[in-house]
Amino acid sequence: MKRALVIAAASPLVLGAGPPPSGAVFVELLGLRSAKGLVQACLTAAPSKFPNCNKDPDALRLTVPARSGATLHFANVPPGRYAIALFHDENSNNRLDTTLMIPREGYGFSRDAPIRFGPPRFDAAAMVVAEAELRTVIHVRYIF
């Protein structure tokens, strides 16, 4: 009899178990100046690791061919606050080329966060991802 009570009490937990909720983030890229190279992007929830997400082991990273109308798709994103940083790696060397710390390749941030004497802060680029899909646009900017 005691065994039946334990199983009955535990069954709602088993029935309610499943994968944690997640959403999807779709990013339309606008303003790529050429179809050369790749677009390197990362999505992070760690303000201290933004915009250089390479130091965040939990960041989601994508690399897609550069082309007009390119779209990034981050899948299985747990609900939370995230920011995206990306660059147009025109020469496919897997890094953002700079001259005197000024980007020579295109770059962009979620919410098209403004650039003022350096990259934007996490809060300026942060967006909330829920259990549904989020669609956004990032305009790729070039200085040279």
N, C-alpha and C. Protein backbone atom coordinates (compact mmCIF):
# COMPACT_ATOMS: atom_id res chain seq x y z
N MET A 1 0.83 -1.19 0.00
CA MET A 1 0.00 0.00 0.00
C MET A 1 0.87 1.25 0.00
N LYS A 2 1.91 1.29 0.82
CA LYS A 2 2.79 2.44 0.87
C LYS A 2 3.47 2.68 -0.47
N ARG A 3 3.83 1.61 -1.15
CA ARG A 3 4.50 1.72 -2.43
C ARG A 3 3.59 2.41 -3.45
N ALA A 4 2.31 2.10 -3.46
CA ALA A 4 1.36 2.71 -4.39
C ALA A 4 1.25 4.22 -4.15
N LEU A 5 1.28 4.64 -2.90
CA LEU A 5 1.20 6.06 -2.58
C LEU A 5 2.42 6.81 -3.09
N VAL A 6 3.58 6.20 -2.98
CA VAL A 6 4.81 6.84 -3.45
C VAL A 6 4.77 7.01 -4.96
N ILE A 7 4.35 5.99 -5.67
CA ILE A 7 4.26 6.06 -7.13
C ILE A 7 3.23 7.09 -7.55
N ALA A 8 2.09 7.11 -6.93
CA ALA A 8 1.05 8.07 -7.28
C ALA A 8 1.51 9.49 -7.00
N ALA A 9 2.23 9.68 -5.92
CA ALA A 9 2.72 11.02 -5.59
C ALA A 9 3.80 11.47 -6.56
N ALA A 10 4.59 10.54 -7.06
CA ALA A 10 5.70 10.89 -7.96
C ALA A 10 5.25 11.06 -9.40
N SER A 11 4.15 10.45 -9.78
CA SER A 11 3.76 10.46 -11.19
C SER A 11 3.52 11.86 -11.77
N PRO A 12 2.96 12.84 -11.04
CA PRO A 12 2.83 14.16 -11.64
C PRO A 12 4.19 14.77 -11.98
N LEU A 13 5.20 14.47 -11.19
CA LEU A 13 6.52 14.99 -11.49
C LEU A 13 7.06 14.38 -12.77
N VAL A 14 6.83 13.10 -12.96
CA VAL A 14 7.30 12.42 -14.16
C VAL A 14 6.53 12.94 -15.37
N LEU A 15 5.22 13.08 -15.25
CA LEU A 15 4.42 13.57 -16.37
C LEU A 15 4.77 15.00 -16.74
N GLY A 16 5.13 15.80 -15.76
CA GLY A 16 5.45 17.20 -16.02
C GLY A 16 6.89 17.39 -16.49
N ALA A 17 7.72 16.35 -16.40
CA ALA A 17 9.11 16.46 -16.80
C ALA A 17 9.20 16.56 -18.31
N GLY A 18 10.19 17.25 -18.77
CA GLY A 18 10.42 17.39 -20.20
C GLY A 18 11.55 18.37 -20.41
N PRO A 19 11.84 18.65 -21.65
CA PRO A 19 12.92 19.58 -21.92
C PRO A 19 12.56 20.99 -21.43
N PRO A 20 13.56 21.75 -21.01
CA PRO A 20 13.26 23.12 -20.57
C PRO A 20 12.73 23.93 -21.75
N PRO A 21 11.91 24.94 -21.48
CA PRO A 21 11.36 25.74 -22.57
C PRO A 21 12.47 26.46 -23.30
N SER A 22 12.27 26.67 -24.59
CA SER A 22 13.26 27.40 -25.38
C SER A 22 12.55 28.13 -26.52
N GLY A 23 13.25 29.10 -27.06
CA GLY A 23 12.72 29.88 -28.17
C GLY A 23 13.70 29.87 -29.32
N ALA A 24 13.40 30.65 -30.31
CA ALA A 24 14.27 30.78 -31.48
C ALA A 24 14.44 32.26 -31.78
N VAL A 25 15.62 32.61 -32.27
CA VAL A 25 15.90 33.99 -32.66
C VAL A 25 16.29 33.99 -34.13
N PHE A 26 15.55 34.77 -34.92
CA PHE A 26 15.85 34.94 -36.34
C PHE A 26 16.32 36.37 -36.55
N VAL A 27 17.47 36.53 -37.21
CA VAL A 27 18.04 37.85 -37.44
C VAL A 27 18.22 38.06 -38.93
N GLU A 28 17.53 39.07 -39.47
CA GLU A 28 17.71 39.44 -40.87
C GLU A 28 18.85 40.45 -40.93
N LEU A 29 19.81 40.19 -41.82
CA LEU A 29 20.96 41.09 -41.97
C LEU A 29 20.71 42.03 -43.13
N LEU A 30 20.87 43.31 -42.87
CA LEU A 30 20.71 44.32 -43.92
C LEU A 30 22.01 45.10 -44.05
N GLY A 31 22.35 45.47 -45.28
CA GLY A 31 23.50 46.34 -45.51
C GLY A 31 24.82 45.65 -45.77
N LEU A 32 24.83 44.34 -46.00
CA LEU A 32 26.10 43.69 -46.34
C LEU A 32 26.58 44.29 -47.67
N ARG A 33 27.83 44.74 -47.73
CA ARG A 33 28.30 45.41 -48.94
C ARG A 33 28.77 44.45 -50.01
N SER A 34 28.97 43.19 -49.66
CA SER A 34 29.38 42.21 -50.66
C SER A 34 28.98 40.82 -50.21
N ALA A 35 29.11 39.87 -51.12
CA ALA A 35 28.84 38.47 -50.81
C ALA A 35 30.14 37.72 -50.55
N LYS A 36 31.21 38.47 -50.30
CA LYS A 36 32.50 37.85 -49.99
C LYS A 36 32.52 37.37 -48.54
N GLY A 37 33.14 36.23 -48.32
CA GLY A 37 33.40 35.78 -46.97
C GLY A 37 32.20 35.25 -46.21
N LEU A 38 32.25 35.50 -44.89
CA LEU A 38 31.29 34.93 -43.95
C LEU A 38 30.74 36.01 -43.03
N VAL A 39 29.64 35.67 -42.37
CA VAL A 39 29.15 36.49 -41.26
C VAL A 39 29.33 35.64 -40.02
N GLN A 40 30.06 36.18 -39.04
CA GLN A 40 30.31 35.50 -37.78
C GLN A 40 29.44 36.19 -36.72
N ALA A 41 28.66 35.43 -35.99
CA ALA A 41 27.75 36.02 -35.00
C ALA A 41 27.75 35.21 -33.71
N CYS A 42 27.49 35.89 -32.61
CA CYS A 42 27.31 35.19 -31.35
C CYS A 42 26.22 35.87 -30.53
N LEU A 43 25.53 35.05 -29.75
CA LEU A 43 24.44 35.50 -28.90
C LEU A 43 24.82 35.12 -27.48
N THR A 44 24.83 36.09 -26.58
CA THR A 44 25.25 35.82 -25.20
C THR A 44 24.27 36.44 -24.20
N ALA A 45 24.20 35.82 -23.04
CA ALA A 45 23.40 36.34 -21.94
C ALA A 45 24.31 36.95 -20.86
N ALA A 46 25.61 36.93 -21.11
CA ALA A 46 26.58 37.40 -20.11
C ALA A 46 27.04 38.82 -20.43
N PRO A 47 26.57 39.81 -19.69
CA PRO A 47 26.99 41.19 -19.96
C PRO A 47 28.50 41.39 -19.94
N SER A 48 29.21 40.67 -19.09
CA SER A 48 30.66 40.84 -18.99
C SER A 48 31.40 40.23 -20.18
N LYS A 49 30.73 39.41 -20.97
CA LYS A 49 31.35 38.76 -22.13
C LYS A 49 30.95 39.41 -23.45
N PHE A 50 30.20 40.47 -23.41
CA PHE A 50 29.72 41.14 -24.62
C PHE A 50 30.63 42.33 -24.92
N PRO A 51 31.01 42.59 -26.14
CA PRO A 51 30.62 41.92 -27.37
C PRO A 51 31.54 40.78 -27.79
N ASN A 52 32.62 40.53 -27.06
CA ASN A 52 33.52 39.45 -27.44
C ASN A 52 33.06 38.14 -26.83
N CYS A 53 32.11 37.51 -27.47
CA CYS A 53 31.49 36.30 -26.94
C CYS A 53 32.41 35.08 -26.96
N ASN A 54 33.59 35.20 -27.56
CA ASN A 54 34.51 34.06 -27.60
C ASN A 54 34.88 33.59 -26.20
N LYS A 55 34.79 34.48 -25.23
CA LYS A 55 35.15 34.12 -23.86
C LYS A 55 33.97 33.57 -23.07
N ASP A 56 32.83 33.41 -23.71
CA ASP A 56 31.63 32.89 -23.04
C ASP A 56 31.36 31.47 -23.51
N PRO A 57 31.61 30.46 -22.67
CA PRO A 57 31.38 29.08 -23.10
C PRO A 57 29.91 28.76 -23.36
N ASP A 58 28.99 29.58 -22.83
CA ASP A 58 27.56 29.33 -23.03
C ASP A 58 26.98 30.10 -24.22
N ALA A 59 27.78 30.91 -24.88
CA ALA A 59 27.29 31.70 -26.01
C ALA A 59 26.93 30.78 -27.17
N LEU A 60 25.93 31.19 -27.93
CA LEU A 60 25.56 30.47 -29.15
C LEU A 60 26.23 31.19 -30.31
N ARG A 61 26.95 30.44 -31.14
CA ARG A 61 27.69 31.02 -32.26
C ARG A 61 27.17 30.50 -33.58
N LEU A 62 27.19 31.37 -34.57
CA LEU A 62 26.79 31.00 -35.93
C LEU A 62 27.78 31.58 -36.93
N THR A 63 28.03 30.83 -37.99
CA THR A 63 28.80 31.32 -39.13
C THR A 63 27.99 30.97 -40.37
N VAL A 64 27.69 31.99 -41.17
CA VAL A 64 26.91 31.78 -42.39
C VAL A 64 27.60 32.48 -43.54
N PRO A 65 27.40 31.99 -44.77
CA PRO A 65 27.96 32.70 -45.92
C PRO A 65 27.35 34.10 -46.04
N ALA A 66 28.18 35.06 -46.38
CA ALA A 66 27.68 36.42 -46.59
C ALA A 66 26.92 36.44 -47.91
N ARG A 67 25.72 36.94 -47.87
CA ARG A 67 24.92 37.09 -49.09
C ARG A 67 23.78 38.05 -48.81
N SER A 68 23.29 38.65 -49.83
CA SER A 68 22.16 39.58 -49.69
C SER A 68 20.97 38.82 -49.12
N GLY A 69 20.32 39.39 -48.13
CA GLY A 69 19.15 38.76 -47.53
C GLY A 69 19.49 37.64 -46.56
N ALA A 70 20.74 37.57 -46.11
CA ALA A 70 21.14 36.50 -45.18
C ALA A 70 20.33 36.61 -43.89
N THR A 71 20.00 35.45 -43.33
CA THR A 71 19.27 35.39 -42.07
C THR A 71 20.01 34.43 -41.14
N LEU A 72 20.15 34.84 -39.90
CA LEU A 72 20.73 33.99 -38.86
C LEU A 72 19.59 33.32 -38.10
N HIS A 73 19.80 32.08 -37.71
CA HIS A 73 18.78 31.37 -36.93
C HIS A 73 19.45 30.72 -35.72
N PHE A 74 19.20 31.29 -34.55
CA PHE A 74 19.66 30.71 -33.30
C PHE A 74 18.51 29.86 -32.77
N ALA A 75 18.72 28.57 -32.63
CA ALA A 75 17.67 27.65 -32.18
C ALA A 75 17.89 27.25 -30.72
N ASN A 76 16.83 26.80 -30.08
CA ASN A 76 16.88 26.28 -28.70
C ASN A 76 17.52 27.27 -27.72
N VAL A 77 17.04 28.50 -27.77
CA VAL A 77 17.53 29.55 -26.88
C VAL A 77 16.66 29.58 -25.63
N PRO A 78 17.23 29.31 -24.46
CA PRO A 78 16.44 29.37 -23.23
C PRO A 78 15.92 30.80 -23.00
N PRO A 79 14.76 30.96 -22.41
CA PRO A 79 14.25 32.31 -22.15
C PRO A 79 15.26 33.11 -21.33
N GLY A 80 15.35 34.39 -21.65
CA GLY A 80 16.27 35.25 -20.92
C GLY A 80 16.59 36.51 -21.70
N ARG A 81 17.57 37.25 -21.21
CA ARG A 81 18.03 38.50 -21.83
C ARG A 81 19.33 38.24 -22.55
N TYR A 82 19.38 38.59 -23.83
CA TYR A 82 20.54 38.28 -24.67
C TYR A 82 20.91 39.50 -25.51
N ALA A 83 22.16 39.48 -25.98
CA ALA A 83 22.62 40.47 -26.96
C ALA A 83 23.41 39.73 -28.04
N ILE A 84 23.36 40.26 -29.25
CA ILE A 84 24.05 39.67 -30.38
C ILE A 84 25.12 40.64 -30.88
N ALA A 85 26.29 40.10 -31.16
CA ALA A 85 27.36 40.84 -31.82
C ALA A 85 27.74 40.04 -33.07
N LEU A 86 27.99 40.75 -34.17
CA LEU A 86 28.37 40.05 -35.39
C LEU A 86 29.34 40.90 -36.19
N PHE A 87 30.04 40.25 -37.12
CA PHE A 87 30.87 40.97 -38.06
C PHE A 87 30.90 40.25 -39.39
N HIS A 88 31.14 41.03 -40.45
CA HIS A 88 31.23 40.52 -41.81
C HIS A 88 32.70 40.19 -42.07
N ASP A 89 33.05 38.95 -41.95
CA ASP A 89 34.42 38.46 -42.12
C ASP A 89 34.69 38.30 -43.62
N GLU A 90 34.93 39.41 -44.28
CA GLU A 90 35.04 39.40 -45.74
C GLU A 90 36.18 38.54 -46.26
N ASN A 91 37.28 38.43 -45.52
CA ASN A 91 38.40 37.62 -45.99
C ASN A 91 38.44 36.24 -45.33
N SER A 92 37.42 35.88 -44.60
CA SER A 92 37.27 34.55 -43.99
C SER A 92 38.46 34.13 -43.14
N ASN A 93 39.03 35.08 -42.39
CA ASN A 93 40.15 34.73 -41.52
C ASN A 93 39.72 34.54 -40.06
N ASN A 94 38.42 34.49 -39.82
CA ASN A 94 37.83 34.22 -38.50
C ASN A 94 38.14 35.27 -37.43
N ARG A 95 38.39 36.49 -37.85
CA ARG A 95 38.58 37.58 -36.89
C ARG A 95 38.17 38.90 -37.53
N LEU A 96 37.82 39.85 -36.69
CA LEU A 96 37.45 41.18 -37.15
C LEU A 96 38.74 41.96 -37.38
N ASP A 97 39.03 42.28 -38.62
CA ASP A 97 40.24 43.03 -38.95
C ASP A 97 40.07 44.49 -38.56
N THR A 98 41.13 45.06 -37.97
CA THR A 98 41.09 46.45 -37.52
C THR A 98 42.37 47.18 -37.94
N THR A 99 42.27 48.49 -37.98
CA THR A 99 43.43 49.37 -38.14
C THR A 99 43.33 50.40 -37.03
N LEU A 100 44.35 50.46 -36.18
CA LEU A 100 44.33 51.36 -35.03
C LEU A 100 43.05 51.18 -34.22
N MET A 101 42.64 49.91 -34.04
CA MET A 101 41.46 49.51 -33.28
C MET A 101 40.13 49.94 -33.92
N ILE A 102 40.17 50.38 -35.17
CA ILE A 102 38.94 50.74 -35.90
C ILE A 102 38.62 49.58 -36.84
N PRO A 103 37.40 49.04 -36.80
CA PRO A 103 37.06 47.90 -37.65
C PRO A 103 37.17 48.22 -39.15
N ARG A 104 37.85 47.32 -39.87
CA ARG A 104 37.96 47.43 -41.33
C ARG A 104 36.89 46.58 -42.03
N GLU A 105 36.18 45.78 -41.25
CA GLU A 105 35.11 44.95 -41.80
C GLU A 105 33.81 45.38 -41.14
N GLY A 106 32.71 44.99 -41.75
CA GLY A 106 31.40 45.38 -41.22
C GLY A 106 31.10 44.70 -39.89
N TYR A 107 30.26 45.35 -39.10
CA TYR A 107 29.89 44.84 -37.79
C TYR A 107 28.46 45.27 -37.48
N GLY A 108 27.87 44.65 -36.48
CA GLY A 108 26.52 45.02 -36.07
C GLY A 108 26.18 44.42 -34.72
N PHE A 109 25.12 44.98 -34.12
CA PHE A 109 24.69 44.55 -32.81
C PHE A 109 23.17 44.48 -32.77
N SER A 110 22.64 43.62 -31.91
CA SER A 110 21.20 43.55 -31.75
C SER A 110 20.66 44.91 -31.34
N ARG A 111 19.42 45.13 -31.72
CA ARG A 111 18.72 46.41 -31.49
C ARG A 111 19.45 47.57 -32.18
N ASP A 112 20.35 47.24 -33.13
CA ASP A 112 21.16 48.26 -33.81
C ASP A 112 21.72 49.25 -32.80
N ALA A 113 22.23 48.71 -31.71
CA ALA A 113 22.78 49.53 -30.62
C ALA A 113 23.81 50.51 -31.17
N PRO A 114 23.72 51.76 -30.76
CA PRO A 114 24.63 52.78 -31.29
C PRO A 114 26.07 52.59 -30.80
N ILE A 115 26.99 53.04 -31.64
CA ILE A 115 28.42 52.97 -31.35
C ILE A 115 28.88 54.36 -30.94
N ARG A 116 29.52 54.46 -29.77
CA ARG A 116 30.07 55.73 -29.30
C ARG A 116 31.42 55.44 -28.66
N PHE A 117 32.48 55.77 -29.35
CA PHE A 117 33.82 55.57 -28.81
C PHE A 117 34.03 54.13 -28.33
N GLY A 118 33.62 53.19 -29.12
CA GLY A 118 33.76 51.77 -28.78
C GLY A 118 32.45 51.05 -28.90
N PRO A 119 32.48 49.75 -28.68
CA PRO A 119 31.26 48.96 -28.84
C PRO A 119 30.20 49.34 -27.81
N PRO A 120 28.95 49.03 -28.10
CA PRO A 120 27.87 49.36 -27.15
C PRO A 120 27.94 48.47 -25.91
N ARG A 121 27.31 48.91 -24.87
CA ARG A 121 27.18 48.12 -23.66
C ARG A 121 26.09 47.06 -23.88
N PHE A 122 26.15 46.01 -23.09
CA PHE A 122 25.18 44.92 -23.18
C PHE A 122 23.75 45.45 -23.10
N ASP A 123 23.49 46.34 -22.15
CA ASP A 123 22.13 46.85 -21.94
C ASP A 123 21.58 47.54 -23.19
N ALA A 124 22.44 48.19 -23.97
CA ALA A 124 21.98 48.88 -25.18
C ALA A 124 21.58 47.90 -26.27
N ALA A 125 22.15 46.71 -26.26
CA ALA A 125 21.88 45.71 -27.29
C ALA A 125 20.96 44.59 -26.82
N ALA A 126 20.65 44.56 -25.53
CA ALA A 126 19.91 43.44 -24.95
C ALA A 126 18.47 43.37 -25.44
N MET A 127 18.01 42.15 -25.62
CA MET A 127 16.63 41.88 -26.01
C MET A 127 16.17 40.67 -25.22
N VAL A 128 14.87 40.56 -25.04
CA VAL A 128 14.30 39.46 -24.26
C VAL A 128 13.83 38.36 -25.20
N VAL A 129 14.29 37.16 -24.92
CA VAL A 129 13.87 35.98 -25.68
C VAL A 129 12.92 35.20 -24.79
N ALA A 130 11.76 34.90 -25.31
CA ALA A 130 10.75 34.12 -24.57
C ALA A 130 10.71 32.71 -25.16
N GLU A 131 9.64 32.01 -24.89
CA GLU A 131 9.51 30.64 -25.38
C GLU A 131 9.07 30.58 -26.85
N ALA A 132 8.74 31.71 -27.42
CA ALA A 132 8.33 31.74 -28.82
C ALA A 132 9.52 32.21 -29.66
N GLU A 133 9.26 32.52 -30.91
CA GLU A 133 10.35 33.02 -31.74
C GLU A 133 10.41 34.54 -31.71
N LEU A 134 11.61 35.03 -31.83
CA LEU A 134 11.87 36.46 -31.88
C LEU A 134 12.48 36.76 -33.23
N ARG A 135 11.93 37.74 -33.93
CA ARG A 135 12.48 38.16 -35.22
C ARG A 135 12.99 39.59 -35.07
N THR A 136 14.20 39.82 -35.58
CA THR A 136 14.80 41.14 -35.48
C THR A 136 15.66 41.41 -36.71
N VAL A 137 16.11 42.64 -36.84
CA VAL A 137 16.95 43.07 -37.96
C VAL A 137 18.21 43.70 -37.39
N ILE A 138 19.35 43.40 -38.01
CA ILE A 138 20.60 44.08 -37.67
C ILE A 138 21.15 44.68 -38.95
N HIS A 139 21.42 45.98 -38.90
CA HIS A 139 22.05 46.68 -40.02
C HIS A 139 23.56 46.57 -39.85
N VAL A 140 24.23 46.00 -40.85
CA VAL A 140 25.68 45.87 -40.81
C VAL A 140 26.28 47.22 -41.17
N ARG A 141 27.23 47.70 -40.36
CA ARG A 141 27.84 49.02 -40.56
C ARG A 141 29.30 48.88 -40.95
N TYR A 142 29.75 49.80 -41.76
CA TYR A 142 31.14 49.82 -42.21
C TYR A 142 31.71 51.20 -41.99
N ILE A 143 32.97 51.26 -41.58
CA ILE A 143 33.64 52.55 -41.42
C ILE A 143 34.50 52.83 -42.64
N PHE A 144 35.20 51.82 -43.13
CA PHE A 144 36.06 51.98 -44.32
C PHE A 144 35.37 51.44 -45.54
